[in-house]
Amino acid sequence: MGADWRSGLGKQLVEACLQGLATLGIAKSHIDVFRTNTLGQKFWEATGWKVRDDIVRLSFIRGTNENA
C-alpha cells in the first residue's frame, strides 16, 4: 500500500468527479467492481455507493481474455 493509502485522497477524487458530473446535469453514475475485490467494494460503499440487486450486467466477450 502506498503512502497515501487511507488518507482520504480517493474519497476526495470521487467527490470531485461527482461534483463535476453534477454541474453537467448528470445525477446518476455506475461503477463496476469485481466480485472478488472486497476491498474495492468496501471503498465504494463507504463513499455512498449502493450495491444494486435489481439489475444484471451482461457482457459479450470475443476471444479468451474475459477481462479485456
C-alpha atoms as a PDB file:
ATOM      1  CA  MET A   1       0.000   0.000   0.000  1.00  0.00           C
ATOM      2  CA  GLY A   2       1.241   3.473  -0.853  1.00  0.00           C
ATOM      3  CA  ALA A   3       1.908   6.395   1.444  1.00  0.00           C
ATOM      4  CA  ASP A   4      -1.466   7.935   0.532  1.00  0.00           C
ATOM      5  CA  TRP A   5      -3.369   4.785   1.491  1.00  0.00           C
ATOM      6  CA  ARG A   6      -6.367   5.635   3.704  1.00  0.00           C
ATOM      7  CA  SER A   7      -5.536   9.350   3.571  1.00  0.00           C
ATOM      8  CA  GLY A   8      -8.925  10.284   2.135  1.00  0.00           C
ATOM      9  CA  LEU A   9      -7.475  11.177  -1.261  1.00  0.00           C
ATOM     10  CA  GLY A  10      -9.576   8.588  -3.104  1.00  0.00           C
ATOM     11  CA  LYS A  11     -12.770   9.827  -1.478  1.00  0.00           C
ATOM     12  CA  GLN A  12     -11.859  13.422  -2.392  1.00  0.00           C
ATOM     13  CA  LEU A  13     -11.228  12.436  -6.017  1.00  0.00           C
ATOM     14  CA  VAL A  14     -14.552  10.596  -6.231  1.00  0.00           C
ATOM     15  CA  GLU A  15     -16.392  13.586  -4.763  1.00  0.00           C
ATOM     16  CA  ALA A  16     -14.684  15.988  -7.190  1.00  0.00           C
ATOM     17  CA  CYS A  17     -15.704  13.782 -10.118  1.00  0.00           C
ATOM     18  CA  LEU A  18     -19.294  13.514  -8.898  1.00  0.00           C
ATOM     19  CA  GLN A  19     -19.461  17.289  -8.428  1.00  0.00           C
ATOM     20  CA  GLY A  20     -18.169  17.754 -11.971  1.00  0.00           C
ATOM     21  CA  LEU A  21     -20.809  15.398 -13.318  1.00  0.00           C
ATOM     22  CA  ALA A  22     -23.495  17.196 -11.300  1.00  0.00           C
ATOM     23  CA  THR A  23     -22.566  20.521 -12.914  1.00  0.00           C
ATOM     24  CA  LEU A  24     -23.263  18.833 -16.258  1.00  0.00           C
ATOM     25  CA  GLY A  25     -26.672  17.680 -15.043  1.00  0.00           C
ATOM     26  CA  ILE A  26     -25.617  14.060 -14.551  1.00  0.00           C
ATOM     27  CA  ALA A  27     -27.156  12.759 -11.334  1.00  0.00           C
ATOM     28  CA  LYS A  28     -26.563   9.010 -11.642  1.00  0.00           C
ATOM     29  CA  SER A  29     -23.295   7.128 -12.042  1.00  0.00           C
ATOM     30  CA  HIS A  30     -22.334   3.480 -12.038  1.00  0.00           C
ATOM     31  CA  ILE A  31     -19.141   1.667 -11.120  1.00  0.00           C
ATOM     32  CA  ASP A  32     -18.188  -1.944 -11.773  1.00  0.00           C
ATOM     33  CA  VAL A  33     -16.178  -3.807  -9.150  1.00  0.00           C
ATOM     34  CA  PHE A  34     -15.071  -7.410  -9.469  1.00  0.00           C
ATOM     35  CA  ARG A  35     -16.914  -9.633  -7.002  1.00  0.00           C
ATOM     36  CA  THR A  36     -13.537 -10.807  -5.650  1.00  0.00           C
ATOM     37  CA  ASN A  37     -12.412  -7.214  -4.945  1.00  0.00           C
ATOM     38  CA  THR A  38     -13.890  -6.928  -1.472  1.00  0.00           C
ATOM     39  CA  LEU A  39     -11.580  -4.056  -0.523  1.00  0.00           C
ATOM     40  CA  GLY A  40     -12.777  -2.093  -3.556  1.00  0.00           C
ATOM     41  CA  GLN A  41     -16.397  -2.850  -2.710  1.00  0.00           C
ATOM     42  CA  LYS A  42     -15.877  -1.563   0.827  1.00  0.00           C
ATOM     43  CA  PHE A  43     -14.311   1.645  -0.515  1.00  0.00           C
ATOM     44  CA  TRP A  44     -17.208   2.407  -2.858  1.00  0.00           C
ATOM     45  CA  GLU A  45     -19.829   1.554  -0.251  1.00  0.00           C
ATOM     46  CA  ALA A  46     -18.028   3.791   2.277  1.00  0.00           C
ATOM     47  CA  THR A  47     -18.255   6.693  -0.195  1.00  0.00           C
ATOM     48  CA  GLY A  48     -22.023   6.302  -0.512  1.00  0.00           C
ATOM     49  CA  TRP A  49     -22.417   3.937  -3.460  1.00  0.00           C
ATOM     50  CA  LYS A  50     -25.047   1.211  -3.137  1.00  0.00           C
ATOM     51  CA  VAL A  51     -24.973  -2.393  -4.316  1.00  0.00           C
ATOM     52  CA  ARG A  52     -27.919  -2.966  -6.636  1.00  0.00           C
ATOM     53  CA  ASP A  53     -29.629  -6.296  -6.921  1.00  0.00           C
ATOM     54  CA  ASP A  54     -32.305  -5.127  -9.350  1.00  0.00           C
ATOM     55  CA  ILE A  55     -30.075  -5.229 -12.441  1.00  0.00           C
ATOM     56  CA  VAL A  56     -27.921  -7.849 -14.135  1.00  0.00           C
ATOM     57  CA  ARG A  57     -24.720  -6.961 -16.011  1.00  0.00           C
ATOM     58  CA  LEU A  58     -24.378  -8.814 -19.304  1.00  0.00           C
ATOM     59  CA  SER A  59     -21.132  -8.872 -21.272  1.00  0.00           C
ATOM     60  CA  PHE A  60     -20.178 -10.108 -24.707  1.00  0.00           C
ATOM     61  CA  ILE A  61     -16.576 -11.304 -24.867  1.00  0.00           C
ATOM     62  CA  ARG A  62     -14.925 -12.128 -28.170  1.00  0.00           C
ATOM     63  CA  GLY A  63     -11.795 -14.158 -27.556  1.00  0.00           C
ATOM     64  CA  THR A  64     -10.375 -15.737 -24.439  1.00  0.00           C
ATOM     65  CA  ASN A  65      -9.480 -12.738 -22.241  1.00  0.00           C
ATOM     66  CA  GLU A  66     -12.597 -12.113 -20.177  1.00  0.00           C
ATOM     67  CA  ASN A  67     -11.046  -9.001 -18.591  1.00  0.00           C
ATOM     68  CA  ALA A  68     -10.005  -7.323 -21.850  1.00  0.00           C
END
